[in-house]
C-alpha atoms as a PDB file:
ATOM      1  CA  MET A   1      12.136 -13.831   3.701  1.00  0.00           C
ATOM      2  CA  LYS A   2      12.686 -12.064   0.379  1.00  0.00           C
ATOM      3  CA  VAL A   3       9.804 -12.467  -2.083  1.00  0.00           C
ATOM      4  CA  LEU A   4      10.133 -12.054  -5.834  1.00  0.00           C
ATOM      5  CA  VAL A   5       6.895 -10.533  -7.135  1.00  0.00           C
ATOM      6  CA  VAL A   6       6.503 -11.391 -10.821  1.00  0.00           C
ATOM      7  CA  GLY A   7       4.155  -8.894 -12.414  1.00  0.00           C
ATOM      8  CA  ALA A   8       4.880  -6.341  -9.710  1.00  0.00           C
ATOM      9  CA  ASN A   9       3.750  -3.419 -11.847  1.00  0.00           C
ATOM     10  CA  GLY A  10       0.230  -4.824 -12.116  1.00  0.00           C
ATOM     11  CA  GLN A  11      -2.478  -3.581  -9.780  1.00  0.00           C
ATOM     12  CA  VAL A  12      -2.378  -6.596  -7.454  1.00  0.00           C
ATOM     13  CA  GLY A  13       1.405  -6.610  -7.638  1.00  0.00           C
ATOM     14  CA  LYS A  14       1.717  -3.000  -6.541  1.00  0.00           C
ATOM     15  CA  HIS A  15      -0.548  -3.597  -3.545  1.00  0.00           C
ATOM     16  CA  LEU A  16       1.438  -6.707  -2.650  1.00  0.00           C
ATOM     17  CA  VAL A  17       4.846  -5.057  -2.796  1.00  0.00           C
ATOM     18  CA  GLN A  18       3.564  -2.225  -0.618  1.00  0.00           C
ATOM     19  CA  MET A  19       2.211  -4.711   1.946  1.00  0.00           C
ATOM     20  CA  ILE A  20       5.377  -6.794   1.925  1.00  0.00           C
ATOM     21  CA  GLN A  21       7.513  -3.711   2.501  1.00  0.00           C
ATOM     22  CA  ALA A  22       5.301  -2.766   5.435  1.00  0.00           C
ATOM     23  CA  SER A  23       5.725  -6.234   6.920  1.00  0.00           C
ATOM     24  CA  GLU A  24       8.385  -6.836   9.542  1.00  0.00           C
ATOM     25  CA  SER A  25       9.326 -10.312   8.338  1.00  0.00           C
ATOM     26  CA  LEU A  26       9.294  -9.966   4.545  1.00  0.00           C
ATOM     27  CA  LYS A  27      11.051  -7.953   1.858  1.00  0.00           C
ATOM     28  CA  ALA A  28      10.008  -7.569  -1.761  1.00  0.00           C
ATOM     29  CA  LYS A  29      11.972  -7.820  -4.973  1.00  0.00           C
ATOM     30  CA  ALA A  30       9.811  -6.379  -7.747  1.00  0.00           C
ATOM     31  CA  MET A  31      10.208  -7.983 -11.162  1.00  0.00           C
ATOM     32  CA  ILE A  32       9.234  -5.408 -13.779  1.00  0.00           C
ATOM     33  CA  ARG A  33       9.335  -5.245 -17.564  1.00  0.00           C
ATOM     34  CA  LYS A  34      10.625  -1.682 -18.038  1.00  0.00           C
ATOM     35  CA  GLU A  35      13.153   0.398 -16.134  1.00  0.00           C
ATOM     36  CA  GLU A  36      10.767   3.375 -16.070  1.00  0.00           C
ATOM     37  CA  GLN A  37       8.420   1.327 -13.869  1.00  0.00           C
ATOM     38  CA  ALA A  38      10.985   1.238 -11.059  1.00  0.00           C
ATOM     39  CA  SER A  39      10.254   4.614  -9.411  1.00  0.00           C
ATOM     40  CA  TYR A  40       7.114   3.397  -7.599  1.00  0.00           C
ATOM     41  CA  PHE A  41       9.039   0.541  -6.004  1.00  0.00           C
ATOM     42  CA  ASN A  42      12.114   2.627  -5.251  1.00  0.00           C
ATOM     43  CA  GLU A  43       9.932   4.936  -3.164  1.00  0.00           C
ATOM     44  CA  LEU A  44       8.824   1.899  -1.145  1.00  0.00           C
ATOM     45  CA  GLY A  45      12.423   0.847  -0.604  1.00  0.00           C
ATOM     46  CA  ALA A  46      11.900  -2.311  -2.658  1.00  0.00           C
ATOM     47  CA  GLU A  47      14.572  -3.811  -4.866  1.00  0.00           C
ATOM     48  CA  THR A  48      13.723  -4.078  -8.578  1.00  0.00           C
ATOM     49  CA  VAL A  49      14.864  -6.310 -11.417  1.00  0.00           C
ATOM     50  CA  VAL A  50      13.996  -5.775 -15.087  1.00  0.00           C
ATOM     51  CA  VAL A  51      13.022  -9.030 -16.810  1.00  0.00           C
ATOM     52  CA  ASN A  52      10.682  -9.771 -19.706  1.00  0.00           C
ATOM     53  CA  LEU A  53       8.626 -12.949 -19.365  1.00  0.00           C
ATOM     54  CA  GLU A  54       9.132 -13.544 -23.075  1.00  0.00           C
ATOM     55  CA  ASP A  55      12.848 -14.037 -22.369  1.00  0.00           C
ATOM     56  CA  ASN A  56      14.226 -17.559 -21.992  1.00  0.00           C
ATOM     57  CA  THR A  57      14.173 -19.451 -18.706  1.00  0.00           C
ATOM     58  CA  ASP A  58      17.863 -18.884 -17.972  1.00  0.00           C
ATOM     59  CA  THR A  59      17.409 -15.121 -18.254  1.00  0.00           C
ATOM     60  CA  ILE A  60      14.348 -15.178 -16.027  1.00  0.00           C
ATOM     61  CA  ALA A  61      16.216 -17.346 -13.509  1.00  0.00           C
ATOM     62  CA  LYS A  62      18.760 -14.564 -12.920  1.00  0.00           C
ATOM     63  CA  ALA A  63      16.073 -12.683 -10.960  1.00  0.00           C
ATOM     64  CA  PHE A  64      15.836 -15.597  -8.500  1.00  0.00           C
ATOM     65  CA  SER A  65      19.422 -15.503  -7.249  1.00  0.00           C
ATOM     66  CA  ASP A  66      18.759 -14.127  -3.754  1.00  0.00           C
ATOM     67  CA  VAL A  67      15.065 -14.782  -3.054  1.00  0.00           C
ATOM     68  CA  ASP A  68      13.252 -17.287  -0.838  1.00  0.00           C
ATOM     69  CA  ALA A  69       9.813 -17.270  -2.473  1.00  0.00           C
ATOM     70  CA  VAL A  70       8.104 -16.175  -5.664  1.00  0.00           C
ATOM     71  CA  VAL A  71       4.612 -14.877  -6.379  1.00  0.00           C
ATOM     72  CA  PHE A  72       3.386 -15.056  -9.973  1.00  0.00           C
ATOM     73  CA  THR A  73       0.784 -12.344 -10.487  1.00  0.00           C
ATOM     74  CA  ALA A  74       1.682 -11.388 -14.042  1.00  0.00           C
ATOM     75  CA  GLY A  75      -0.774 -11.282 -16.927  1.00  0.00           C
ATOM     76  CA  SER A  76      -0.964 -10.099 -20.501  1.00  0.00           C
ATOM     77  CA  GLY A  77      -3.952  -7.897 -19.696  1.00  0.00           C
ATOM     78  CA  PRO A  78      -7.386  -7.521 -21.309  1.00  0.00           C
ATOM     79  CA  ASN A  79      -6.217  -5.474 -24.296  1.00  0.00           C
ATOM     80  CA  THR A  80      -3.968  -8.083 -25.897  1.00  0.00           C
ATOM     81  CA  GLY A  81      -4.798 -11.020 -28.143  1.00  0.00           C
ATOM     82  CA  PRO A  82      -4.622 -14.784 -27.581  1.00  0.00           C
ATOM     83  CA  ASP A  83      -0.989 -14.821 -28.707  1.00  0.00           C
ATOM     84  CA  LYS A  84       0.152 -12.687 -25.752  1.00  0.00           C
ATOM     85  CA  THR A  85      -2.110 -14.645 -23.419  1.00  0.00           C
ATOM     86  CA  ILE A  86      -0.275 -17.842 -24.357  1.00  0.00           C
ATOM     87  CA  LEU A  87       3.158 -16.196 -24.188  1.00  0.00           C
ATOM     88  CA  ILE A  88       2.648 -14.529 -20.779  1.00  0.00           C
ATOM     89  CA  ASP A  89      -0.127 -16.257 -18.839  1.00  0.00           C
ATOM     90  CA  LEU A  90       0.943 -19.759 -19.885  1.00  0.00           C
ATOM     91  CA  ASP A  91       4.521 -19.847 -21.156  1.00  0.00           C
ATOM     92  CA  GLY A  92       5.670 -17.020 -18.892  1.00  0.00           C
ATOM     93  CA  ALA A  93       4.220 -18.851 -15.900  1.00  0.00           C
ATOM     94  CA  VAL A  94       5.827 -22.154 -16.899  1.00  0.00           C
ATOM     95  CA  LYS A  95       9.223 -20.516 -17.420  1.00  0.00           C
ATOM     96  CA  THR A  96       8.917 -18.859 -14.013  1.00  0.00           C
ATOM     97  CA  ILE A  97       8.128 -22.238 -12.434  1.00  0.00           C
ATOM     98  CA  GLU A  98      11.104 -23.796 -14.189  1.00  0.00           C
ATOM     99  CA  ALA A  99      13.322 -20.909 -13.066  1.00  0.00           C
ATOM    100  CA  ALA A 100      12.263 -21.549  -9.470  1.00  0.00           C
ATOM    101  CA  LYS A 101      13.151 -25.230  -9.827  1.00  0.00           C
ATOM    102  CA  LYS A 102      16.462 -24.383 -11.473  1.00  0.00           C
ATOM    103  CA  THR A 103      17.504 -22.009  -8.686  1.00  0.00           C
ATOM    104  CA  GLY A 104      16.130 -23.994  -5.749  1.00  0.00           C
ATOM    105  CA  VAL A 105      13.433 -21.489  -4.777  1.00  0.00           C
ATOM    106  CA  GLU A 106      10.828 -23.871  -3.375  1.00  0.00           C
ATOM    107  CA  ARG A 107       8.014 -21.542  -2.242  1.00  0.00           C
ATOM    108  CA  PHE A 108       5.749 -20.558  -5.144  1.00  0.00           C
ATOM    109  CA  VAL A 109       2.418 -18.747  -4.994  1.00  0.00           C
ATOM    110  CA  MET A 110       0.392 -18.657  -8.213  1.00  0.00           C
ATOM    111  CA  ILE A 111      -2.407 -16.165  -8.784  1.00  0.00           C
ATOM    112  CA  SER A 112      -4.750 -17.913 -11.162  1.00  0.00           C
ATOM    113  CA  SER A 113      -8.257 -17.340 -12.492  1.00  0.00           C
ATOM    114  CA  PHE A 114     -11.395 -18.080 -10.465  1.00  0.00           C
ATOM    115  CA  ASP A 115     -12.181 -21.366 -12.229  1.00  0.00           C
ATOM    116  CA  THR A 116      -9.615 -23.134 -14.399  1.00  0.00           C
ATOM    117  CA  THR A 117     -11.269 -26.536 -14.620  1.00  0.00           C
ATOM    118  CA  ARG A 118     -11.943 -28.315 -17.896  1.00  0.00           C
ATOM    119  CA  LYS A 119     -15.646 -27.514 -17.417  1.00  0.00           C
ATOM    120  CA  ALA A 120     -14.774 -23.791 -17.154  1.00  0.00           C
ATOM    121  CA  ILE A 121     -12.852 -23.966 -20.427  1.00  0.00           C
ATOM    122  CA  GLN A 122     -15.771 -25.577 -22.238  1.00  0.00           C
ATOM    123  CA  SER A 123     -18.275 -23.044 -20.931  1.00  0.00           C
ATOM    124  CA  ALA A 124     -16.149 -19.893 -21.338  1.00  0.00           C
ATOM    125  CA  PRO A 125     -17.043 -17.303 -24.004  1.00  0.00           C
ATOM    126  CA  SER A 126     -14.790 -17.631 -27.049  1.00  0.00           C
ATOM    127  CA  SER A 127     -13.007 -14.366 -26.237  1.00  0.00           C
ATOM    128  CA  PHE A 128     -12.191 -15.538 -22.697  1.00  0.00           C
ATOM    129  CA  ALA A 129     -11.411 -19.191 -23.415  1.00  0.00           C
ATOM    130  CA  PRO A 130      -7.701 -18.702 -24.323  1.00  0.00           C
ATOM    131  CA  TYR A 131      -7.121 -17.070 -20.925  1.00  0.00           C
ATOM    132  CA  VAL A 132      -8.825 -19.917 -19.058  1.00  0.00           C
ATOM    133  CA  VAL A 133      -6.867 -22.473 -21.103  1.00  0.00           C
ATOM    134  CA  ALA A 134      -3.590 -20.693 -20.312  1.00  0.00           C
ATOM    135  CA  LYS A 135      -4.347 -20.611 -16.592  1.00  0.00           C
ATOM    136  CA  HIS A 136      -5.551 -24.236 -16.630  1.00  0.00           C
ATOM    137  CA  TYR A 137      -2.266 -25.559 -17.984  1.00  0.00           C
ATOM    138  CA  ALA A 138      -0.072 -23.202 -15.946  1.00  0.00           C
ATOM    139  CA  ASP A 139      -1.818 -24.395 -12.771  1.00  0.00           C
ATOM    140  CA  ASP A 140      -1.443 -28.015 -13.837  1.00  0.00           C
ATOM    141  CA  TRP A 141       2.262 -27.546 -14.558  1.00  0.00           C
ATOM    142  CA  LEU A 142       2.775 -26.180 -11.056  1.00  0.00           C
ATOM    143  CA  ARG A 143       0.799 -29.017  -9.427  1.00  0.00           C
ATOM    144  CA  ARG A 144       3.105 -31.553 -11.081  1.00  0.00           C
ATOM    145  CA  THR A 145       6.243 -30.091  -9.485  1.00  0.00           C
ATOM    146  CA  ASN A 146       7.771 -30.695  -6.078  1.00  0.00           C
ATOM    147  CA  LEU A 147       7.609 -26.980  -5.265  1.00  0.00           C
ATOM    148  CA  ASP A 148       5.900 -25.747  -2.094  1.00  0.00           C
ATOM    149  CA  TYR A 149       3.074 -24.215  -4.066  1.00  0.00           C
ATOM    150  CA  THR A 150      -0.151 -22.410  -3.279  1.00  0.00           C
ATOM    151  CA  ILE A 151      -2.650 -21.611  -6.047  1.00  0.00           C
ATOM    152  CA  ILE A 152      -5.075 -18.757  -5.372  1.00  0.00           C
ATOM    153  CA  HIS A 153      -8.219 -18.358  -7.493  1.00  0.00           C
ATOM    154  CA  PRO A 154      -9.683 -14.862  -6.987  1.00  0.00           C
ATOM    155  CA  GLY A 155     -13.170 -13.854  -8.053  1.00  0.00           C
ATOM    156  CA  ILE A 156     -14.022 -10.822 -10.192  1.00  0.00           C
ATOM    157  CA  LEU A 157     -11.369  -8.213  -9.460  1.00  0.00           C
ATOM    158  CA  THR A 158     -12.379  -4.668  -8.577  1.00  0.00           C
ATOM    159  CA  ASN A 159     -10.535  -1.480  -7.686  1.00  0.00           C
ATOM    160  CA  ASP A 160     -12.678  -0.910  -4.599  1.00  0.00           C
ATOM    161  CA  LYS A 161     -10.933  -0.139  -1.331  1.00  0.00           C
ATOM    162  CA  GLY A 162     -10.070  -3.372   0.420  1.00  0.00           C
ATOM    163  CA  ASN A 163     -11.528  -4.152   3.825  1.00  0.00           C
ATOM    164  CA  ALA A 164      -9.568  -7.361   4.586  1.00  0.00           C
ATOM    165  CA  GLN A 165     -12.823  -9.346   4.775  1.00  0.00           C
ATOM    166  CA  VAL A 166     -12.989 -12.401   2.521  1.00  0.00           C
ATOM    167  CA  GLU A 167     -14.455 -15.837   1.971  1.00  0.00           C
ATOM    168  CA  ALA A 168     -11.904 -18.528   1.144  1.00  0.00           C
ATOM    169  CA  ALA A 169     -12.480 -22.215   0.454  1.00  0.00           C
ATOM    170  CA  GLU A 170     -11.810 -24.903  -2.117  1.00  0.00           C
ATOM    171  CA  ALA A 171     -15.029 -23.776  -3.801  1.00  0.00           C
ATOM    172  CA  VAL A 172     -17.095 -20.629  -3.168  1.00  0.00           C
ATOM    173  CA  ASP A 173     -19.846 -18.866  -5.072  1.00  0.00           C
ATOM    174  CA  ARG A 174     -18.522 -16.536  -7.750  1.00  0.00           C
ATOM    175  CA  GLY A 175     -18.338 -12.937  -6.597  1.00  0.00           C
ATOM    176  CA  GLU A 176     -16.204  -9.822  -6.510  1.00  0.00           C
ATOM    177  CA  ILE A 177     -13.077  -9.072  -4.524  1.00  0.00           C
ATOM    178  CA  PRO A 178     -10.963  -5.892  -4.368  1.00  0.00           C
ATOM    179  CA  ARG A 179      -7.443  -6.277  -5.739  1.00  0.00           C
ATOM    180  CA  GLU A 180      -6.130  -4.898  -2.460  1.00  0.00           C
ATOM    181  CA  ASP A 181      -7.735  -7.818  -0.602  1.00  0.00           C
ATOM    182  CA  VAL A 182      -6.239 -10.301  -3.059  1.00  0.00           C
ATOM    183  CA  ALA A 183      -2.830  -8.897  -2.161  1.00  0.00           C
ATOM    184  CA  ALA A 184      -3.653  -9.277   1.539  1.00  0.00           C
ATOM    185  CA  VAL A 185      -4.550 -12.934   0.963  1.00  0.00           C
ATOM    186  CA  ILE A 186      -1.259 -13.528  -0.865  1.00  0.00           C
ATOM    187  CA  LEU A 187       0.647 -11.997   2.022  1.00  0.00           C
ATOM    188  CA  ALA A 188      -1.217 -14.166   4.531  1.00  0.00           C
ATOM    189  CA  ALA A 189      -0.551 -17.284   2.444  1.00  0.00           C
ATOM    190  CA  LEU A 190       3.167 -16.521   2.314  1.00  0.00           C
ATOM    191  CA  LYS A 191       3.250 -16.268   6.088  1.00  0.00           C
ATOM    192  CA  ASN A 192       1.221 -19.436   6.678  1.00  0.00           C
ATOM    193  CA  GLU A 193       2.938 -22.706   5.775  1.00  0.00           C
ATOM    194  CA  SER A 194      -0.355 -24.581   6.107  1.00  0.00           C
ATOM    195  CA  THR A 195      -1.310 -23.199   2.675  1.00  0.00           C
ATOM    196  CA  ILE A 196       1.478 -25.184   1.008  1.00  0.00           C
ATOM    197  CA  GLY A 197       0.110 -27.745  -1.422  1.00  0.00           C
ATOM    198  CA  LYS A 198      -3.334 -26.144  -1.408  1.00  0.00           C
ATOM    199  CA  GLU A 199      -5.445 -24.147  -3.832  1.00  0.00           C
ATOM    200  CA  PHE A 200      -8.554 -22.187  -3.045  1.00  0.00           C
ATOM    201  CA  GLN A 201     -11.012 -19.619  -4.356  1.00  0.00           C
ATOM    202  CA  ILE A 202     -11.462 -16.219  -2.715  1.00  0.00           C
ATOM    203  CA  VAL A 203     -14.178 -13.568  -2.920  1.00  0.00           C
ATOM    204  CA  GLY A 204     -15.299 -10.755  -0.668  1.00  0.00           C
ATOM    205  CA  GLY A 205     -16.791 -12.060   2.568  1.00  0.00           C
ATOM    206  CA  LYS A 206     -17.213 -11.575   6.293  1.00  0.00           C
ATOM    207  CA  GLU A 207     -14.127 -13.270   7.763  1.00  0.00           C
ATOM    208  CA  SER A 208     -10.825 -11.534   8.339  1.00  0.00           C
ATOM    209  CA  VAL A 209      -8.130 -12.523   5.864  1.00  0.00           C
ATOM    210  CA  GLU A 210      -6.045 -14.122   8.607  1.00  0.00           C
ATOM    211  CA  LYS A 211      -8.954 -16.204   9.947  1.00  0.00           C
ATOM    212  CA  ALA A 212     -10.086 -17.248   6.467  1.00  0.00           C
ATOM    213  CA  ILE A 213      -6.599 -18.422   5.529  1.00  0.00           C
ATOM    214  CA  GLN A 214      -6.089 -20.162   8.852  1.00  0.00           C
ATOM    215  CA  SER A 215      -9.367 -22.072   8.390  1.00  0.00           C
ATOM    216  CA  LEU A 216      -8.072 -23.632   5.175  1.00  0.00           C
END
């Protein structure tokens, strides 16, 4: 299976591409925004494609021509304003979903925020609310499709070394999780068809990634 990783140059994305390339059954196609970002992925033997999520859906869809699944792990980042949050985290996600539909790529894994419910929007600090709103509607757009989707809601992301020990369920207590372990969960979800049509929260825990995903 070839997996298009949207947002591959992000921290989770880089971990994921590395793990996919080390897998026997999967290959990665890294979707990046700038050509100068390609060297990291070239060293891993991963294919790259340069696409900007602010492009139109037809342009984005060109990256889907030879893939079997897509992972959306892109984000505008903490140093941009609400305008970029809407353009990338919401509209970029929706255009990616529509590109998958247009090209017949049915498997779609969305990396969301920990809590994207209406209650989370209402209780979020004003500076964080646009991000939660963007993720809320992107998740909802995906749920309304016929795609084979999985929505993953990670806790507070850290750069700690991953240990492949997590807690995963429809609802868990808020906590931290290394980005490397988020990537491991994505990989496990891609390999496990029982995660199709499901969404779940993940934080650091005591179960192996494989066991935690299987228990879903």
